[in-house]
Amino acid sequence: MDPLLHDRVSLITGAASGIGRAVALRFAAEGSDVFVFDLNESGARETADAVRALGRRAGSARVDVSDAAQVESGVADAEAAFGRIDVLVNNAGLTRDSTIAKMAEPDWDLVLDVHLKGTFLCTRAVGARMRKAGRGAIVNLSSISAKFGNFGQANYASAKAGIVALTKVTAREYARYGVRANAIQPGIIDTAMTRVLGEEVLAKRAQETPLGRIGRPEEVANVALFLASDLASFVTGVVIEVTGGRHM
């Protein structure tokens, strides 16, 4: 049986580390060539090298996903390198946590720009190509914070909630072109972004999770693989929680 992403081309944003890197490697293991966007240029190259080590083609570019010109240029580079883009995973993100009372306006703008605007810009650029091809799969990374509204994350939770709405609009607008769009809402996952919370906080979060532990990036990547593959050929506009049951 062919791999789930046999000879497909995937563009993954924020794939220098964490969930994005796990998605890139999982996709490569299932037959996809991978192009990586990230501001961490050396990390993006390392992910591309790891993809090549799995026997697939890979490329990378330093792209600020909140900049329309950079996104369009990067997407054009990916298309030139591999001829097409079959799968888009919008994963790039960051945090600038603070309570509403203390949050600086630039921190609000930055988080919304990277997460929500970045997802929009990449969807618009890659979606135009998918429409012409008559097929494609878009997977957006939201967060359980969008559902729960984590204290001190007004910017992050708002951006991630916006991604859910954007995913549903994308699914409606692009369905006629054979393009599917879905979202994933991870819970607490073991990444560099969450490790800054400290062991005590992470232990408490694990206790609050019915499965009793923190999730792994690979477990999010497995769901992304399903949504990107033909196994999900009749799945569009949905949000899947990968949380170990937390906040269900």
Protein backbone atom coordinates (compact mmCIF):
# COMPACT_ATOMS: atom_id res chain seq x y z
CA MET A 1 0.00 0.00 0.00
CA ASP A 2 1.28 3.47 -0.89
CA PRO A 3 2.20 5.87 1.93
CA LEU A 4 -0.64 8.21 2.93
CA LEU A 5 0.99 11.25 1.30
CA HIS A 6 2.65 9.45 -1.59
CA ASP A 7 4.49 11.97 -3.81
CA ARG A 8 2.66 14.99 -2.45
CA VAL A 9 4.18 18.35 -1.64
CA SER A 10 3.54 19.97 1.75
CA LEU A 11 4.27 23.51 2.88
CA ILE A 12 4.56 23.79 6.66
CA THR A 13 5.00 27.07 8.50
CA GLY A 14 6.84 27.34 11.81
CA ALA A 15 8.50 23.96 11.22
CA ALA A 16 11.96 24.67 12.65
CA SER A 17 10.94 23.02 15.92
CA GLY A 18 8.09 21.67 18.03
CA ILE A 19 4.83 20.65 16.45
CA GLY A 20 5.78 22.00 13.03
CA ARG A 21 8.94 19.94 12.89
CA ALA A 22 7.06 16.84 14.04
CA VAL A 23 4.51 17.38 11.28
CA ALA A 24 7.25 17.79 8.68
CA LEU A 25 8.94 14.53 9.67
CA ARG A 26 5.65 12.60 9.91
CA PHE A 27 4.61 13.82 6.48
CA ALA A 28 7.99 12.91 5.00
CA ALA A 29 7.75 9.43 6.50
CA GLU A 30 4.43 9.08 4.67
CA GLY A 31 5.84 10.07 1.29
CA SER A 32 5.56 13.86 1.14
CA ASP A 33 8.18 16.32 -0.04
CA VAL A 34 8.31 19.24 2.40
CA PHE A 35 8.99 22.95 2.16
CA VAL A 36 9.54 24.76 5.47
CA PHE A 37 8.83 28.38 6.43
CA ASP A 38 10.31 29.76 9.63
CA LEU A 39 12.00 32.87 10.96
CA ASN A 40 14.58 30.54 12.51
CA GLU A 41 16.54 30.00 9.32
CA SER A 42 19.05 27.51 10.72
CA GLY A 43 16.29 25.51 12.41
CA ALA A 44 14.32 25.42 9.16
CA ARG A 45 17.39 24.09 7.34
CA GLU A 46 17.83 21.42 10.02
CA THR A 47 14.25 20.28 9.54
CA ALA A 48 14.77 20.19 5.78
CA ASP A 49 17.92 18.09 6.27
CA ALA A 50 15.96 15.68 8.48
CA VAL A 51 13.31 15.35 5.78
CA ARG A 52 15.99 14.54 3.20
CA ALA A 53 17.38 11.91 5.55
CA LEU A 54 14.00 10.21 5.27
CA GLY A 55 14.40 10.07 1.49
CA ARG A 56 12.19 12.98 0.48
CA ARG A 57 12.93 16.30 -1.17
CA ALA A 58 12.98 19.35 1.04
CA GLY A 59 13.45 23.10 0.94
CA SER A 60 13.30 25.96 3.39
CA ALA A 61 13.00 29.72 3.48
CA ARG A 62 13.12 32.44 6.11
CA VAL A 63 9.59 33.85 5.93
CA ASP A 64 7.69 36.18 8.23
CA VAL A 65 4.15 34.87 7.71
CA SER A 66 2.67 38.21 8.77
CA ASP A 67 4.30 39.90 5.75
CA ALA A 68 2.31 39.45 2.54
CA ALA A 69 5.27 40.03 0.23
CA GLN A 70 7.44 37.50 2.06
CA VAL A 71 4.64 34.93 2.02
CA GLU A 72 4.02 35.32 -1.70
CA SER A 73 7.73 35.12 -2.45
CA GLY A 74 8.18 32.04 -0.27
CA VAL A 75 5.18 30.27 -1.78
CA ALA A 76 6.50 31.05 -5.27
CA ASP A 77 9.87 29.56 -4.25
CA ALA A 78 8.20 26.40 -2.96
CA GLU A 79 6.16 26.05 -6.13
CA ALA A 80 9.23 26.61 -8.29
CA ALA A 81 11.17 24.00 -6.35
CA PHE A 82 8.54 21.25 -6.38
CA GLY A 83 6.07 22.24 -9.10
CA ARG A 84 2.99 22.42 -6.88
CA ILE A 85 1.72 22.53 -3.29
CA ASP A 86 -0.77 19.84 -2.28
CA VAL A 87 -0.92 20.42 1.48
CA LEU A 88 -0.60 23.57 3.60
CA VAL A 89 -0.10 23.40 7.36
CA ASN A 90 -0.43 26.78 9.08
CA ASN A 91 1.49 26.25 12.31
CA ALA A 92 3.69 29.32 12.84
CA GLY A 93 3.12 30.97 16.17
CA LEU A 94 4.42 32.60 19.33
CA THR A 95 3.19 33.88 22.68
CA ARG A 96 3.35 37.22 24.47
CA ASP A 97 1.31 36.48 27.58
CA SER A 98 -0.09 39.14 29.87
CA THR A 99 -3.37 40.08 31.50
CA ILE A 100 -5.61 42.41 29.54
CA ALA A 101 -4.93 45.22 32.00
CA LYS A 102 -1.18 44.99 31.47
CA MET A 103 -0.94 43.85 27.85
CA ALA A 104 1.02 46.18 25.59
CA GLU A 105 -0.61 46.98 22.27
CA PRO A 106 2.42 45.78 20.25
CA ASP A 107 2.16 42.38 21.96
CA TRP A 108 -1.51 42.16 21.00
CA ASP A 109 -0.71 43.11 17.41
CA LEU A 110 2.25 40.73 17.08
CA VAL A 111 0.37 37.64 18.24
CA LEU A 112 -2.67 38.40 16.08
CA ASP A 113 -0.45 39.17 13.09
CA VAL A 114 1.58 35.97 13.26
CA HIS A 115 -1.21 33.55 14.10
CA LEU A 116 -4.33 34.92 12.43
CA LYS A 117 -3.03 37.20 9.71
CA GLY A 118 -0.29 34.70 8.92
CA THR A 119 -2.81 31.92 8.48
CA PHE A 120 -4.90 34.17 6.24
CA LEU A 121 -1.95 35.26 4.08
CA CYS A 122 -0.64 31.72 3.59
CA THR A 123 -4.13 30.41 2.87
CA ARG A 124 -4.72 33.13 0.31
CA ALA A 125 -1.40 32.54 -1.47
CA VAL A 126 -1.43 28.74 -1.46
CA GLY A 127 -5.20 28.54 -1.86
CA ALA A 128 -5.01 30.36 -5.17
CA ARG A 129 -2.75 27.63 -6.48
CA MET A 130 -4.88 24.84 -5.03
CA ARG A 131 -7.97 26.29 -6.66
CA LYS A 132 -6.30 26.10 -10.07
CA ALA A 133 -5.15 22.55 -9.38
CA GLY A 134 -8.63 21.51 -8.27
CA ARG A 135 -7.44 19.84 -5.09
CA GLY A 136 -5.66 20.48 -1.81
CA ALA A 137 -5.76 20.14 1.95
CA ILE A 138 -5.24 22.91 4.48
CA VAL A 139 -4.59 22.15 8.15
CA ASN A 140 -4.63 25.05 10.61
CA LEU A 141 -3.25 24.92 14.14
CA SER A 142 -5.60 26.53 16.61
CA SER A 143 -5.43 25.83 20.37
CA ILE A 144 -7.66 24.63 23.17
CA SER A 145 -7.04 28.13 24.57
CA ALA A 146 -9.51 29.35 21.95
CA LYS A 147 -12.21 27.26 23.62
CA PHE A 148 -11.18 27.72 27.25
CA GLY A 149 -9.82 31.27 27.26
CA ASN A 150 -6.62 30.82 29.26
CA PHE A 151 -5.94 33.50 31.86
CA GLY A 152 -3.31 35.93 30.58
CA GLN A 153 -3.70 34.92 26.93
CA ALA A 154 -6.23 37.36 25.52
CA ASN A 155 -4.12 37.87 22.40
CA TYR A 156 -3.30 34.19 21.87
CA ALA A 157 -6.79 32.86 22.62
CA SER A 158 -8.38 35.49 20.39
CA ALA A 159 -6.02 34.68 17.52
CA LYS A 160 -6.60 30.96 17.87
CA ALA A 161 -10.39 31.44 18.00
CA GLY A 162 -10.11 33.53 14.86
CA ILE A 163 -8.27 30.66 13.18
CA VAL A 164 -11.26 28.39 13.87
CA ALA A 165 -13.59 30.87 12.17
CA LEU A 166 -11.16 31.37 9.29
CA THR A 167 -10.92 27.60 8.83
CA LYS A 168 -14.70 27.28 8.50
CA VAL A 169 -14.90 30.15 6.02
CA THR A 170 -12.05 28.63 4.01
CA ALA A 171 -13.81 25.26 4.00
CA ARG A 172 -17.00 26.86 2.64
CA GLU A 173 -15.33 29.05 0.03
CA TYR A 174 -12.88 26.45 -1.31
CA ALA A 175 -15.00 23.29 -1.24
CA ARG A 176 -16.19 23.83 -4.81
CA TYR A 177 -12.56 23.67 -5.93
CA GLY A 178 -11.85 20.34 -4.23
CA VAL A 179 -9.91 21.98 -1.40
CA ARG A 180 -10.53 20.93 2.21
CA ALA A 181 -9.71 23.00 5.32
CA ASN A 182 -9.67 21.74 8.90
CA ALA A 183 -8.21 22.80 12.24
CA ILE A 184 -6.53 21.15 15.20
CA GLN A 185 -6.77 22.41 18.77
CA PRO A 186 -3.86 20.99 20.76
CA GLY A 187 -3.89 21.07 24.53
CA ILE A 188 -0.71 21.20 26.56
CA ILE A 189 2.03 19.70 24.38
CA ASP A 190 5.68 19.14 25.28
CA THR A 191 7.42 21.88 23.27
CA ALA A 192 9.90 24.66 23.97
CA MET A 193 6.95 27.08 24.13
CA THR A 194 5.30 25.17 26.98
CA ARG A 195 8.46 24.23 28.87
CA VAL A 196 8.91 27.87 29.88
CA LEU A 197 5.89 27.37 32.16
CA GLY A 198 8.07 25.34 34.51
CA GLU A 199 7.78 21.82 35.90
CA GLU A 200 5.29 22.71 38.63
CA VAL A 201 2.79 24.26 36.22
CA LEU A 202 3.21 21.45 33.69
CA ALA A 203 2.65 18.85 36.41
CA LYS A 204 -0.57 20.62 37.41
CA ARG A 205 -1.73 20.73 33.79
CA ALA A 206 -1.02 17.00 33.48
CA GLN A 207 -3.15 16.33 36.56
CA GLU A 208 -5.99 18.32 34.99
CA THR A 209 -5.83 16.11 31.89
CA PRO A 210 -7.97 12.94 32.02
CA LEU A 211 -5.22 10.91 30.32
CA GLY A 212 -2.89 12.13 33.06
CA ARG A 213 0.01 13.45 31.02
CA ILE A 214 1.32 16.09 28.65
CA GLY A 215 0.93 15.45 24.93
CA ARG A 216 3.75 14.88 22.45
CA PRO A 217 4.25 16.85 19.21
CA GLU A 218 4.08 13.57 17.29
CA GLU A 219 0.54 13.02 18.56
CA VAL A 220 -0.54 16.30 16.99
CA ALA A 221 1.35 15.39 13.82
CA ASN A 222 -0.62 12.14 13.54
CA VAL A 223 -3.89 14.07 13.45
CA ALA A 224 -2.46 16.53 10.92
CA LEU A 225 -1.49 13.54 8.77
CA PHE A 226 -5.04 12.21 8.87
CA LEU A 227 -6.52 15.58 7.89
CA ALA A 228 -3.98 16.06 5.09
CA SER A 229 -4.49 12.60 3.64
CA ASP A 230 -7.24 11.00 1.58
CA LEU A 231 -8.40 9.21 4.73
CA ALA A 232 -10.15 12.53 5.45
CA SER A 233 -11.47 12.99 1.90
CA PHE A 234 -14.99 13.80 3.18
CA VAL A 235 -13.84 15.87 6.16
CA THR A 236 -13.81 19.65 5.92
CA GLY A 237 -14.58 22.56 8.23
CA VAL A 238 -14.04 20.57 11.41
CA VAL A 239 -11.98 21.21 14.55
CA ILE A 240 -10.30 18.26 16.26
CA GLU A 241 -9.08 18.58 19.84
CA VAL A 242 -5.81 16.84 20.72
CA THR A 243 -5.85 17.43 24.45
CA GLY A 244 -5.94 14.15 26.31
CA GLY A 245 -9.50 15.08 27.26
CA ARG A 246 -8.64 18.38 28.92
CA HIS A 247 -11.45 20.98 28.74
CA MET A 248 -13.87 18.58 27.03
